[in-house]
Amino acid sequence: MATRTRWVPRHDVMRRRRQRILALLGLFLLASLTVGGIHWVTQLDKSLLSRAEQHVQPIAVRAPRRPAPTTLKPSPVDGLPAGMVLGYFYDPGNAGNAAAMLSHYLPVLSGIIPFWYTIHANGSISGQTNPAVLRLAQQHNLWTFALVENMAGQSVFGPLLNSPVARSRAIDNMLTLVEDNGYDGINLDWEGIAASERQAFTQFVAQLSTTFHQHGYYVTLSVPAETANQPNNSWTGAYNYAALAKSADLLMIMAYDQHWAGGSPGPIASPMWVQSVLNYTLSAVPPSKVVLGIPGYGYDWGGAGTTAVSYGQAKTLASQYGQNSASNHFEYVQNGQIHSVWFENTASFLSKIKLVSGYELRGIALWRLGIEDPKIWNFLQ
């Protein structure tokens, strides 16, 4: 893979020198892992994402922190390449084959977004870094953005966003996390924020971006898809696209769950719906700051509830019940119950890639590596 061109402040050079020394000494700081859900998929299907339940310890923060360099300028989004292909990287329980899994994707990826860390209401962070995965990514010049999440919604983000102490602690902890592990930046996947916290979240992102840019790091956000500005919407109201884009470097629009696990069956992300999402997004956000989130999963509605399925699992079900899975939808009957399965395949993937090609977006991000139709990569070489 060709060496990338990127903005490297003097602080970054010193940081990487320090990291090489630490690597030689073998001083990797690991905390225990807790992985929560993401989008409904992680909450509903343990067989698909194997949610890990282990003891949690906060990631330590050094103190006092040196002051931010005064000579650095805000990180320009133009320091990122065009046509980025990003993958959310999830390895349940830090499985031993995580680096091998990433190796499979190296020829096609521009970067990864590891799903390893959880933010708490007091601003502390728990999680566990997989150094082998990060070393492999950095050796192959992949961009890396540390995903920090919490799916508990308002019970976490209300106290966090309304406490100056917690906000400052959260920013300091995220900066330490990025510095100590050699990330290029952070990714906030904060879902379930109350619409009433719209202004507070916007102000937090501005504060976070100012600090990160002073130190030469990027701020990216994973935000729910919208087709219109709906500040009072209980799910999307907290995310002011236009205001957030003034501070953050990238908005990764999660253009999936058009039909979600708790609702009626239907496409995960139909082309017409994604088109509407993009039309609204680009009315508020410059295309250079937009990354289109694309799903690799599906849902099986029916019986006792809804189950998340990977592409492979959907194909297995279709074969088991003698259904034609050439399309991305089929039905089957089990124990007298009708099941409706919608999933993502190469055809549905390409329908969204065609949309992206006409807008000059910064790139795409797949949720998530390992569950998609493998044939999609033939079109991203």
Protein backbone atom coordinates (compact mmCIF):
# COMPACT_ATOMS: atom_id res chain seq x y z
CA MET A 1 0.00 0.00 0.00
CA ALA A 2 1.39 3.42 -0.91
CA THR A 3 2.55 5.72 1.88
CA ARG A 4 -0.16 8.23 2.70
CA THR A 5 0.27 11.97 2.87
CA ARG A 6 -0.95 13.44 6.11
CA TRP A 7 -0.63 16.45 8.38
CA VAL A 8 2.03 15.70 11.03
CA PRO A 9 2.63 18.41 13.63
CA ARG A 10 5.87 18.52 15.59
CA HIS A 11 4.01 17.24 18.61
CA ASP A 12 3.00 14.15 16.65
CA VAL A 13 6.63 13.37 15.80
CA MET A 14 7.57 13.46 19.47
CA ARG A 15 4.56 11.35 20.33
CA ARG A 16 5.49 8.63 17.84
CA ARG A 17 9.11 8.66 19.05
CA ARG A 18 7.87 8.10 22.58
CA GLN A 19 5.62 5.28 21.37
CA ARG A 20 8.51 3.48 19.67
CA ILE A 21 10.47 3.59 22.93
CA LEU A 22 7.48 2.24 24.84
CA ALA A 23 7.01 -0.48 22.26
CA LEU A 24 10.61 -1.62 22.63
CA LEU A 25 10.18 -1.79 26.38
CA GLY A 26 6.94 -3.70 25.93
CA LEU A 27 5.00 -1.31 28.13
CA PHE A 28 1.46 -1.68 26.93
CA LEU A 29 -1.18 -0.45 29.33
CA LEU A 30 -4.26 -2.68 29.16
CA ALA A 31 -7.54 -2.28 31.02
CA SER A 32 -10.34 -4.87 31.14
CA LEU A 33 -12.99 -4.85 28.43
CA THR A 34 -16.64 -4.10 28.49
CA VAL A 35 -18.34 -3.92 25.12
CA GLY A 36 -21.85 -2.62 24.93
CA GLY A 37 -24.30 -2.71 22.12
CA ILE A 38 -24.26 -0.64 18.97
CA HIS A 39 -27.29 0.30 16.82
CA TRP A 40 -29.68 -2.57 17.91
CA VAL A 41 -27.48 -5.22 16.33
CA THR A 42 -25.20 -5.64 19.32
CA GLN A 43 -28.09 -5.59 21.75
CA LEU A 44 -30.09 -8.31 20.03
CA ASP A 45 -27.80 -11.00 18.73
CA LYS A 46 -25.15 -12.40 21.02
CA SER A 47 -24.37 -15.15 18.53
CA LEU A 48 -23.49 -12.52 15.95
CA LEU A 49 -21.47 -10.14 18.05
CA SER A 50 -20.70 -12.28 21.13
CA ARG A 51 -21.07 -9.46 23.61
CA ALA A 52 -18.23 -9.69 26.14
CA GLU A 53 -19.03 -9.31 29.83
CA GLN A 54 -15.84 -8.82 31.85
CA HIS A 55 -14.69 -6.73 34.77
CA VAL A 56 -14.21 -3.06 33.98
CA GLN A 57 -11.38 -0.82 35.10
CA PRO A 58 -11.00 2.84 34.19
CA ILE A 59 -8.20 3.81 31.85
CA ALA A 60 -5.73 5.84 33.86
CA VAL A 61 -5.05 9.48 33.04
CA ARG A 62 -1.63 11.00 33.64
CA ALA A 63 -1.55 14.20 35.67
CA PRO A 64 -0.65 16.91 35.33
CA ARG A 65 -0.96 17.06 31.54
CA ARG A 66 1.44 19.29 29.65
CA PRO A 67 -0.24 22.35 28.11
CA ALA A 68 -1.34 22.23 24.50
CA PRO A 69 1.26 23.52 22.03
CA THR A 70 0.53 27.13 21.13
CA THR A 71 2.00 26.96 17.61
CA LEU A 72 -0.35 24.30 16.23
CA LYS A 73 -3.35 25.19 14.12
CA PRO A 74 -6.68 23.36 13.98
CA SER A 75 -6.56 20.06 12.15
CA PRO A 76 -7.86 20.63 8.60
CA VAL A 77 -10.16 17.99 7.19
CA ASP A 78 -8.13 18.28 3.97
CA GLY A 79 -5.37 16.41 5.78
CA LEU A 80 -7.53 13.30 5.23
CA PRO A 81 -7.48 11.54 1.85
CA ALA A 82 -10.41 11.48 -0.55
CA GLY A 83 -12.33 8.27 -1.10
CA MET A 84 -11.69 6.77 2.33
CA VAL A 85 -12.86 3.20 2.95
CA LEU A 86 -13.24 2.76 6.70
CA GLY A 87 -14.34 -0.25 8.69
CA TYR A 88 -15.75 -0.43 12.20
CA PHE A 89 -13.59 -3.07 13.83
CA TYR A 90 -15.13 -5.26 16.54
CA ASP A 91 -13.35 -8.25 18.03
CA PRO A 92 -15.42 -9.69 20.89
CA GLY A 93 -13.35 -10.36 23.97
CA ASN A 94 -10.15 -9.37 22.14
CA ALA A 95 -10.03 -12.76 20.44
CA GLY A 96 -6.60 -14.04 19.53
CA ASN A 97 -7.35 -13.97 15.81
CA ALA A 98 -8.20 -10.26 15.68
CA ALA A 99 -5.00 -9.24 13.89
CA ALA A 100 -5.44 -12.09 11.41
CA MET A 101 -8.97 -10.87 10.74
CA LEU A 102 -7.70 -7.36 10.02
CA SER A 103 -4.99 -8.74 7.72
CA HIS A 104 -7.71 -9.95 5.38
CA TYR A 105 -8.88 -6.37 4.80
CA LEU A 106 -5.55 -4.57 4.47
CA PRO A 107 -5.59 -4.31 0.64
CA VAL A 108 -8.87 -2.39 0.59
CA LEU A 109 -9.09 -0.35 3.79
CA SER A 110 -8.04 3.25 4.37
CA GLY A 111 -8.58 2.97 8.11
CA ILE A 112 -10.31 1.29 11.03
CA ILE A 113 -12.56 2.44 13.86
CA PRO A 114 -11.96 0.00 16.74
CA PHE A 115 -15.02 -0.56 18.93
CA TRP A 116 -13.22 -1.02 22.26
CA TYR A 117 -14.04 1.79 24.69
CA THR A 118 -16.96 2.96 26.83
CA ILE A 119 -17.52 6.44 28.29
CA HIS A 120 -19.23 6.81 31.66
CA ALA A 121 -21.32 9.56 33.21
CA ASN A 122 -18.41 10.91 35.28
CA GLY A 123 -16.14 11.17 32.23
CA SER A 124 -14.10 8.05 32.93
CA ILE A 125 -13.39 5.54 30.16
CA SER A 126 -13.21 1.76 30.38
CA GLY A 127 -12.07 -0.70 27.77
CA GLN A 128 -9.17 -2.69 26.47
CA THR A 129 -6.84 -1.93 23.60
CA ASN A 130 -5.52 -4.66 21.32
CA PRO A 131 -1.94 -3.50 20.60
CA ALA A 132 -1.39 -6.15 17.91
CA VAL A 133 -4.27 -4.80 15.86
CA LEU A 134 -3.09 -1.21 16.16
CA ARG A 135 0.51 -2.13 15.30
CA LEU A 136 -0.68 -3.92 12.17
CA ALA A 137 -2.86 -0.96 11.17
CA GLN A 138 -0.04 1.53 11.68
CA GLN A 139 2.48 -0.65 9.82
CA HIS A 140 0.15 -0.52 6.80
CA ASN A 141 -0.52 3.21 7.08
CA LEU A 142 -4.16 2.82 8.05
CA TRP A 143 -5.92 5.69 9.73
CA THR A 144 -7.16 4.78 13.20
CA PHE A 145 -9.98 6.44 15.14
CA ALA A 146 -10.77 5.18 18.64
CA LEU A 147 -14.51 4.64 18.99
CA VAL A 148 -15.86 5.68 22.39
CA GLU A 149 -19.48 4.69 23.04
CA ASN A 150 -22.18 4.14 25.57
CA MET A 151 -25.61 2.78 24.66
CA ALA A 152 -27.25 3.65 28.00
CA GLY A 153 -28.45 6.93 26.51
CA GLN A 154 -29.70 9.77 28.66
CA SER A 155 -28.79 8.10 31.96
CA VAL A 156 -25.13 8.60 30.95
CA PHE A 157 -25.14 11.62 28.67
CA GLY A 158 -27.44 13.84 30.72
CA PRO A 159 -25.09 13.89 33.73
CA LEU A 160 -21.98 13.93 31.54
CA LEU A 161 -22.95 16.83 29.30
CA ASN A 162 -24.29 18.95 32.15
CA SER A 163 -21.23 18.67 34.41
CA PRO A 164 -18.21 20.88 33.58
CA VAL A 165 -16.02 18.55 35.64
CA ALA A 166 -17.22 15.42 33.84
CA ARG A 167 -16.85 17.07 30.42
CA SER A 168 -13.28 18.12 31.14
CA ARG A 169 -12.45 14.69 32.52
CA ALA A 170 -13.92 13.01 29.43
CA ILE A 171 -11.87 15.18 27.07
CA ASP A 172 -8.69 14.63 29.06
CA ASN A 173 -9.27 10.88 29.16
CA MET A 174 -9.96 10.68 25.42
CA LEU A 175 -6.84 12.70 24.66
CA THR A 176 -4.77 10.36 26.81
CA LEU A 177 -6.33 7.35 25.11
CA VAL A 178 -5.44 8.67 21.67
CA GLU A 179 -1.93 9.77 22.65
CA ASP A 180 -0.95 6.61 24.46
CA ASN A 181 -2.10 4.28 21.69
CA GLY A 182 -1.05 6.19 18.61
CA TYR A 183 -4.53 6.87 17.22
CA ASP A 184 -5.09 9.59 14.63
CA GLY A 185 -8.20 10.73 16.43
CA ILE A 186 -11.40 9.86 18.23
CA ASN A 187 -14.84 8.68 17.11
CA LEU A 188 -17.85 9.47 19.29
CA ASP A 189 -20.69 7.00 18.84
CA TRP A 190 -22.98 8.52 21.45
CA GLU A 191 -26.50 7.27 20.84
CA GLY A 192 -29.69 7.94 22.76
CA ILE A 193 -28.84 11.51 23.79
CA ALA A 194 -32.03 13.35 24.67
CA ALA A 195 -33.20 16.01 22.21
CA SER A 196 -33.08 18.50 25.07
CA GLU A 197 -29.30 18.07 25.18
CA ARG A 198 -28.87 19.27 21.57
CA GLN A 199 -27.06 22.47 22.50
CA ALA A 200 -25.03 20.83 25.27
CA PHE A 201 -23.78 18.11 22.90
CA THR A 202 -22.88 20.68 20.24
CA GLN A 203 -20.93 22.70 22.80
CA PHE A 204 -19.13 19.59 24.05
CA VAL A 205 -18.05 18.63 20.51
CA ALA A 206 -16.75 22.18 19.98
CA GLN A 207 -14.75 21.98 23.23
CA LEU A 208 -13.43 18.52 22.36
CA SER A 209 -12.45 19.59 18.83
CA THR A 210 -10.59 22.67 20.04
CA THR A 211 -8.49 20.56 22.41
CA PHE A 212 -7.86 17.76 19.93
CA HIS A 213 -6.95 20.11 17.10
CA GLN A 214 -4.45 21.90 19.33
CA HIS A 215 -2.71 18.55 19.78
CA GLY A 216 -2.94 17.52 16.13
CA TYR A 217 -5.74 14.94 16.34
CA TYR A 218 -9.02 14.48 14.48
CA VAL A 219 -12.56 14.40 15.89
CA THR A 220 -15.10 12.22 14.09
CA LEU A 221 -18.74 11.56 15.00
CA SER A 222 -21.01 8.61 14.23
CA VAL A 223 -24.49 10.13 14.08
CA PRO A 224 -27.98 8.73 13.39
CA ALA A 225 -29.33 9.20 9.88
CA GLU A 226 -31.90 11.94 9.27
CA THR A 227 -33.95 12.92 6.26
CA ALA A 228 -34.91 16.33 7.70
CA ASN A 229 -33.97 18.63 10.53
CA GLN A 230 -36.01 17.38 13.49
CA PRO A 231 -34.70 19.02 16.68
CA ASN A 232 -37.49 17.50 18.78
CA ASN A 233 -37.13 13.94 17.50
CA SER A 234 -36.47 11.64 20.46
CA TRP A 235 -33.78 9.66 18.57
CA THR A 236 -32.09 12.20 16.28
CA GLY A 237 -32.95 15.57 17.81
CA ALA A 238 -29.68 15.94 19.73
CA TYR A 239 -27.58 15.95 16.56
CA ASN A 240 -27.41 19.36 14.90
CA TYR A 241 -25.59 18.38 11.70
CA ALA A 242 -24.71 21.91 10.59
CA ALA A 243 -23.43 23.01 13.99
CA LEU A 244 -21.50 19.80 14.64
CA ALA A 245 -19.81 20.01 11.24
CA LYS A 246 -18.36 23.40 12.16
CA SER A 247 -16.23 21.73 14.84
CA ALA A 248 -15.80 18.04 13.97
CA ASP A 249 -13.66 16.83 11.08
CA LEU A 250 -15.96 14.05 9.89
CA LEU A 251 -19.61 13.12 10.35
CA MET A 252 -20.13 9.42 9.75
CA ILE A 253 -23.81 9.19 8.88
CA MET A 254 -25.18 5.84 10.09
CA ALA A 255 -27.45 5.26 7.11
CA TYR A 256 -28.93 2.03 8.37
CA ASP A 257 -31.76 0.72 10.54
CA GLN A 258 -34.33 2.29 8.23
CA HIS A 259 -36.34 -0.69 9.47
CA TRP A 260 -35.10 -1.60 12.90
CA ALA A 261 -35.36 -4.57 15.20
CA GLY A 262 -38.21 -3.09 17.25
CA GLY A 263 -40.34 -2.20 14.23
CA SER A 264 -41.86 -3.83 11.19
CA PRO A 265 -39.82 -5.80 8.61
CA GLY A 266 -38.27 -3.99 5.68
CA PRO A 267 -34.96 -2.99 4.07
CA ILE A 268 -32.09 -2.11 6.39
CA ALA A 269 -31.16 0.76 4.08
CA SER A 270 -33.09 1.07 0.83
CA PRO A 271 -31.49 3.18 -1.94
CA MET A 272 -34.36 5.68 -1.97
CA TRP A 273 -34.11 6.20 1.78
CA VAL A 274 -30.31 6.56 1.66
CA GLN A 275 -30.77 9.08 -1.16
CA SER A 276 -33.05 11.12 1.12
CA VAL A 277 -30.54 10.88 3.95
CA LEU A 278 -27.77 12.17 1.70
CA ASN A 279 -29.90 14.98 0.29
CA TYR A 280 -30.61 16.30 3.76
CA THR A 281 -27.06 15.73 5.04
CA LEU A 282 -25.49 17.65 2.17
CA SER A 283 -27.86 20.54 2.72
CA ALA A 284 -26.21 21.01 6.12
CA VAL A 285 -22.69 19.53 5.88
CA PRO A 286 -19.90 20.00 3.30
CA PRO A 287 -19.41 16.74 1.35
CA SER A 288 -15.72 16.72 2.32
CA LYS A 289 -16.82 16.12 5.93
CA VAL A 290 -19.33 13.36 5.17
CA VAL A 291 -18.66 9.63 5.45
CA LEU A 292 -21.61 7.41 4.52
CA GLY A 293 -22.16 4.56 6.96
CA ILE A 294 -23.13 1.35 5.14
CA PRO A 295 -24.54 -1.78 6.86
CA GLY A 296 -23.24 -5.30 6.41
CA TYR A 297 -25.90 -6.98 8.55
CA GLY A 298 -29.57 -7.90 8.40
CA TYR A 299 -32.55 -8.79 10.60
CA ASP A 300 -34.77 -11.85 10.90
CA TRP A 301 -38.22 -10.67 12.04
CA GLY A 302 -40.63 -13.28 13.31
CA GLY A 303 -41.39 -15.84 16.00
CA ALA A 304 -40.56 -14.64 19.49
CA GLY A 305 -38.76 -11.53 18.31
CA THR A 306 -36.13 -10.11 15.99
CA THR A 307 -32.63 -11.48 15.53
CA ALA A 308 -29.67 -9.76 13.91
CA VAL A 309 -28.00 -11.82 11.20
CA SER A 310 -24.78 -11.58 9.24
CA TYR A 311 -24.72 -12.10 5.49
CA GLY A 312 -23.48 -15.66 6.01
CA GLN A 313 -26.24 -16.47 8.48
CA ALA A 314 -28.90 -15.09 6.12
CA LYS A 315 -27.61 -17.26 3.29
CA THR A 316 -27.58 -20.31 5.54
CA LEU A 317 -31.20 -19.69 6.57
CA ALA A 318 -32.26 -19.30 2.94
CA SER A 319 -30.58 -22.57 2.01
CA GLN A 320 -32.01 -24.38 5.04
CA TYR A 321 -35.59 -23.42 4.16
CA GLY A 322 -35.25 -23.71 0.40
CA GLN A 323 -35.66 -19.99 -0.26
CA ASN A 324 -34.15 -17.97 -3.07
CA SER A 325 -31.66 -15.57 -1.55
CA ALA A 326 -30.49 -14.02 -4.82
CA SER A 327 -32.24 -10.87 -3.61
CA ASN A 328 -31.70 -9.39 -0.15
CA HIS A 329 -35.10 -10.51 1.14
CA PHE A 330 -36.87 -13.83 1.69
CA GLU A 331 -39.45 -15.39 4.00
CA TYR A 332 -39.70 -18.78 5.67
CA VAL A 333 -41.96 -20.56 8.16
CA GLN A 334 -40.67 -22.02 11.42
CA ASN A 335 -42.93 -23.57 14.07
CA GLY A 336 -45.93 -22.06 12.36
CA GLN A 337 -44.48 -18.55 12.49
CA ILE A 338 -43.69 -16.54 9.37
CA HIS A 339 -40.21 -15.04 9.38
CA SER A 340 -39.18 -12.11 7.17
CA VAL A 341 -35.46 -11.71 6.54
CA TRP A 342 -33.89 -8.58 5.10
CA PHE A 343 -30.12 -8.36 4.78
CA GLU A 344 -27.37 -6.63 2.81
CA ASN A 345 -25.64 -8.24 -0.17
CA THR A 346 -23.38 -7.06 -2.98
CA ALA A 347 -26.29 -5.74 -5.05
CA SER A 348 -27.67 -3.60 -2.22
CA PHE A 349 -24.14 -2.46 -1.37
CA LEU A 350 -23.47 -1.33 -4.94
CA SER A 351 -26.74 0.58 -5.04
CA LYS A 352 -25.39 2.77 -2.26
CA ILE A 353 -21.89 3.05 -3.71
CA LYS A 354 -23.45 4.49 -6.88
CA LEU A 355 -25.03 7.20 -4.76
CA VAL A 356 -21.72 8.03 -3.09
CA SER A 357 -19.88 8.37 -6.39
CA GLY A 358 -22.04 11.32 -7.43
CA TYR A 359 -21.51 13.41 -4.30
CA GLU A 360 -17.72 13.54 -3.77
CA LEU A 361 -18.07 12.46 -0.15
CA ARG A 362 -15.02 11.87 2.00
CA GLY A 363 -15.75 8.13 1.89
CA ILE A 364 -17.69 5.22 3.35
CA ALA A 365 -17.63 3.30 6.64
CA LEU A 366 -18.87 -0.29 6.93
CA TRP A 367 -20.62 -1.54 10.07
CA ARG A 368 -18.93 -3.88 10.60
CA LEU A 369 -15.93 -5.85 9.32
CA GLY A 370 -16.56 -9.61 9.37
CA ILE A 371 -20.32 -9.82 8.84
CA GLU A 372 -20.64 -8.49 5.29
CA ASP A 373 -21.02 -10.16 1.90
CA PRO A 374 -17.34 -10.78 1.07
CA LYS A 375 -17.94 -10.11 -2.62
CA ILE A 376 -18.34 -6.38 -1.96
CA TRP A 377 -14.58 -6.02 -1.68
CA ASN A 378 -14.13 -7.00 -5.32
CA PHE A 379 -15.54 -3.57 -6.15
CA LEU A 380 -13.31 -1.61 -3.75
CA GLN A 381 -9.89 -2.87 -4.81
